[in-house]
């Protein structure tokens, strides 16, 4: 940890946007030269917790890099309560979160608790744990902490390499699965 007073280690690795139309958002970002986009559609997130209550959420996501920065577009499906639906209902589509990737997820969560930052959404994507916390609203609506493991690092490396070699035309949208 470079700053002993910092609650979170490392640097911001991802910027997330909640959208109401994933394909339209991909088209808009692609027009800025960002891509290729890798999608996961109708991803079920069972067993999550939203503001202290269990919830099962279904989302579609798209991931791409712009240089070393990863971008995530998230479209919630249905009316199930979630951090994404809350945001869309309150503000409409737009910037939602900054994300840190924590090699020591448990340690990061202990520091979050000690800082008094409320965890408003959390779960596991099967092999990857994540938590969304409310911090200083002048910094970000939400800060996401994602567990950095071999799976998340491998995906990050693949996305960065794809962006570096993309010609801006070929296969702008690709499925992760």
Protein backbone atom coordinates (compact mmCIF):
# COMPACT_ATOMS: atom_id res chain seq x y z
CA UNK A 1 0.00 0.00 0.00
CA UNK A 2 1.61 3.26 -1.08
CA UNK A 3 -0.45 5.51 1.21
CA UNK A 4 -0.81 4.12 4.74
CA UNK A 5 -3.91 6.30 5.25
CA UNK A 6 -5.68 5.00 2.14
CA UNK A 7 -8.59 2.65 2.61
CA UNK A 8 -8.16 1.10 -0.84
CA UNK A 9 -4.92 -0.11 -2.39
CA UNK A 10 -3.66 0.44 -5.88
CA UNK A 11 -5.20 2.43 -8.65
CA UNK A 12 -8.62 2.77 -10.21
CA UNK A 13 -8.80 -0.01 -12.80
CA UNK A 14 -12.30 0.33 -14.20
CA UNK A 15 -14.99 2.91 -14.84
CA UNK A 16 -18.57 1.64 -14.93
CA UNK A 17 -21.67 3.03 -16.59
CA UNK A 18 -25.24 1.89 -16.05
CA UNK A 19 -27.21 1.99 -19.28
CA UNK A 20 -30.75 1.23 -20.39
CA UNK A 21 -29.70 0.02 -23.86
CA UNK A 22 -26.45 -1.92 -24.01
CA UNK A 23 -26.20 -1.99 -27.80
CA UNK A 24 -26.76 1.75 -28.12
CA UNK A 25 -24.12 2.42 -25.44
CA UNK A 26 -21.64 0.15 -27.24
CA UNK A 27 -22.31 1.99 -30.50
CA UNK A 28 -21.70 5.37 -28.84
CA UNK A 29 -18.46 4.29 -27.17
CA UNK A 30 -17.25 2.60 -30.36
CA UNK A 31 -17.69 5.93 -32.17
CA UNK A 32 -15.03 7.26 -29.78
CA UNK A 33 -12.67 4.50 -30.88
CA UNK A 34 -13.17 2.32 -27.79
CA UNK A 35 -13.34 -1.40 -28.43
CA UNK A 36 -13.66 -4.15 -29.19
CA UNK A 37 -16.48 -4.80 -26.74
CA UNK A 38 -16.89 -8.19 -25.09
CA UNK A 39 -20.42 -8.95 -23.93
CA UNK A 40 -22.13 -11.26 -21.49
CA UNK A 41 -25.87 -11.13 -22.00
CA UNK A 42 -28.56 -12.09 -19.49
CA UNK A 43 -26.04 -12.82 -16.74
CA UNK A 44 -27.84 -14.01 -13.64
CA UNK A 45 -26.42 -12.83 -10.33
CA UNK A 46 -28.17 -14.97 -7.73
CA UNK A 47 -27.46 -14.64 -4.05
CA UNK A 48 -26.51 -10.99 -4.03
CA UNK A 49 -27.27 -8.59 -1.22
CA UNK A 50 -28.70 -5.15 -1.94
CA UNK A 51 -29.00 -2.71 0.95
CA UNK A 52 -29.11 -5.59 3.41
CA UNK A 53 -31.71 -7.67 1.57
CA UNK A 54 -31.14 -10.74 -0.61
CA UNK A 55 -31.72 -10.19 -4.31
CA UNK A 56 -31.37 -12.07 -7.57
CA UNK A 57 -30.45 -9.78 -10.43
CA UNK A 58 -30.04 -10.32 -14.17
CA UNK A 59 -27.80 -7.97 -16.13
CA UNK A 60 -26.06 -7.73 -19.47
CA UNK A 61 -22.56 -6.28 -19.52
CA UNK A 62 -20.01 -5.15 -22.06
CA UNK A 63 -16.32 -4.71 -21.33
CA UNK A 64 -13.61 -2.94 -23.32
CA UNK A 65 -10.36 -1.14 -22.68
CA UNK A 66 -9.12 2.28 -23.62
CA UNK A 67 -5.41 1.89 -23.01
CA UNK A 68 -4.99 0.38 -19.54
CA UNK A 69 -8.42 1.64 -18.34
CA UNK A 70 -11.24 -0.88 -18.47
CA UNK A 71 -14.77 0.32 -19.18
CA UNK A 72 -17.87 -1.59 -18.16
CA UNK A 73 -21.39 -1.01 -19.43
CA UNK A 74 -24.15 -2.58 -17.31
CA UNK A 75 -27.77 -2.97 -18.35
CA UNK A 76 -30.12 -4.34 -15.66
CA UNK A 77 -33.07 -6.45 -16.78
CA UNK A 78 -36.44 -6.47 -15.07
CA UNK A 79 -37.51 -4.59 -12.00
CA UNK A 80 -35.60 -6.55 -9.34
CA UNK A 81 -34.14 -4.15 -6.80
CA UNK A 82 -30.41 -3.62 -7.33
CA UNK A 83 -27.80 -0.91 -7.26
CA UNK A 84 -28.18 -0.64 -11.04
CA UNK A 85 -31.98 -0.30 -11.05
CA UNK A 86 -31.74 2.25 -8.23
CA UNK A 87 -29.36 4.34 -10.30
CA UNK A 88 -31.40 4.16 -13.53
CA UNK A 89 -34.62 5.03 -11.71
CA UNK A 90 -33.03 7.98 -9.90
CA UNK A 91 -30.78 9.44 -12.58
CA UNK A 92 -31.11 7.64 -15.87
CA UNK A 93 -28.15 6.16 -17.72
CA UNK A 94 -24.64 7.41 -17.04
CA UNK A 95 -21.44 7.17 -15.03
CA UNK A 96 -21.98 4.90 -12.03
CA UNK A 97 -18.82 3.59 -10.43
CA UNK A 98 -15.08 3.51 -10.10
CA UNK A 99 -13.57 0.08 -9.46
CA UNK A 100 -10.51 -1.14 -7.61
CA UNK A 101 -9.27 -4.71 -7.94
CA UNK A 102 -8.17 -6.09 -4.58
CA UNK A 103 -5.67 -8.94 -4.34
CA UNK A 104 -6.59 -9.11 -0.64
CA UNK A 105 -10.37 -8.80 -0.89
CA UNK A 106 -10.98 -9.69 2.77
CA UNK A 107 -8.43 -7.11 3.91
CA UNK A 108 -9.99 -4.46 1.68
CA UNK A 109 -13.42 -5.20 3.13
CA UNK A 110 -12.06 -4.91 6.69
CA UNK A 111 -10.64 -1.48 5.82
CA UNK A 112 -13.96 -0.46 4.22
CA UNK A 113 -15.78 -1.45 7.41
CA UNK A 114 -13.26 0.41 9.59
CA UNK A 115 -13.72 3.52 7.40
CA UNK A 116 -17.48 3.34 7.95
CA UNK A 117 -18.29 3.06 4.26
CA UNK A 118 -21.60 1.23 3.79
CA UNK A 119 -21.62 -1.82 1.54
CA UNK A 120 -24.76 -1.35 -0.54
CA UNK A 121 -24.45 -4.27 -2.97
CA UNK A 122 -22.33 -7.40 -2.86
CA UNK A 123 -22.09 -10.90 -4.18
CA UNK A 124 -20.01 -13.36 -6.10
CA UNK A 125 -19.83 -13.83 -9.83
CA UNK A 126 -19.06 -17.52 -9.24
CA UNK A 127 -15.29 -17.18 -8.94
CA UNK A 128 -15.03 -13.47 -8.16
CA UNK A 129 -16.35 -11.63 -5.12
CA UNK A 130 -17.40 -7.99 -5.41
CA UNK A 131 -18.80 -5.24 -3.23
CA UNK A 132 -20.14 -1.80 -4.03
CA UNK A 133 -19.60 0.81 -1.35
CA UNK A 134 -20.80 4.36 -0.90
CA UNK A 135 -17.96 6.78 -0.33
CA UNK A 136 -17.58 10.52 -0.81
CA UNK A 137 -20.28 11.54 -3.35
CA UNK A 138 -17.95 14.18 -4.81
CA UNK A 139 -15.65 11.36 -5.93
CA UNK A 140 -18.12 8.80 -7.23
CA UNK A 141 -21.65 7.59 -6.74
CA UNK A 142 -20.27 4.12 -5.94
CA UNK A 143 -16.86 2.49 -5.60
CA UNK A 144 -16.70 -1.16 -6.57
CA UNK A 145 -14.15 -3.49 -5.05
CA UNK A 146 -13.57 -6.62 -7.11
CA UNK A 147 -11.50 -9.57 -6.03
CA UNK A 148 -8.33 -9.76 -8.12
CA UNK A 149 -7.51 -13.39 -8.83
CA UNK A 150 -6.29 -15.42 -11.79
CA UNK A 151 -9.70 -15.18 -13.45
CA UNK A 152 -10.06 -11.40 -13.22
CA UNK A 153 -6.43 -10.80 -14.14
CA UNK A 154 -6.70 -13.08 -17.17
CA UNK A 155 -9.80 -11.24 -18.37
CA UNK A 156 -8.14 -7.87 -17.82
CA UNK A 157 -5.06 -8.93 -19.77
CA UNK A 158 -7.19 -10.26 -22.65
CA UNK A 159 -9.25 -7.06 -22.86
CA UNK A 160 -6.19 -4.82 -22.84
CA UNK A 161 -4.46 -6.88 -25.54
CA UNK A 162 -7.61 -6.91 -27.69
CA UNK A 163 -7.91 -3.13 -27.46
CA UNK A 164 -4.24 -2.63 -28.31
CA UNK A 165 -4.50 -4.70 -31.48
CA UNK A 166 -8.02 -3.69 -32.61
CA UNK A 167 -8.23 -1.98 -35.99
CA UNK A 168 -11.39 -0.07 -35.03
CA UNK A 169 -13.54 -1.95 -37.54
CA UNK A 170 -13.25 -5.74 -37.27
CA UNK A 171 -15.71 -7.40 -34.91
CA UNK A 172 -16.54 -4.40 -32.72
CA UNK A 173 -18.79 -6.59 -30.52
CA UNK A 174 -17.81 -10.06 -29.39
CA UNK A 175 -19.31 -12.51 -26.93
CA UNK A 176 -17.24 -13.59 -23.96
CA UNK A 177 -18.94 -16.99 -23.98
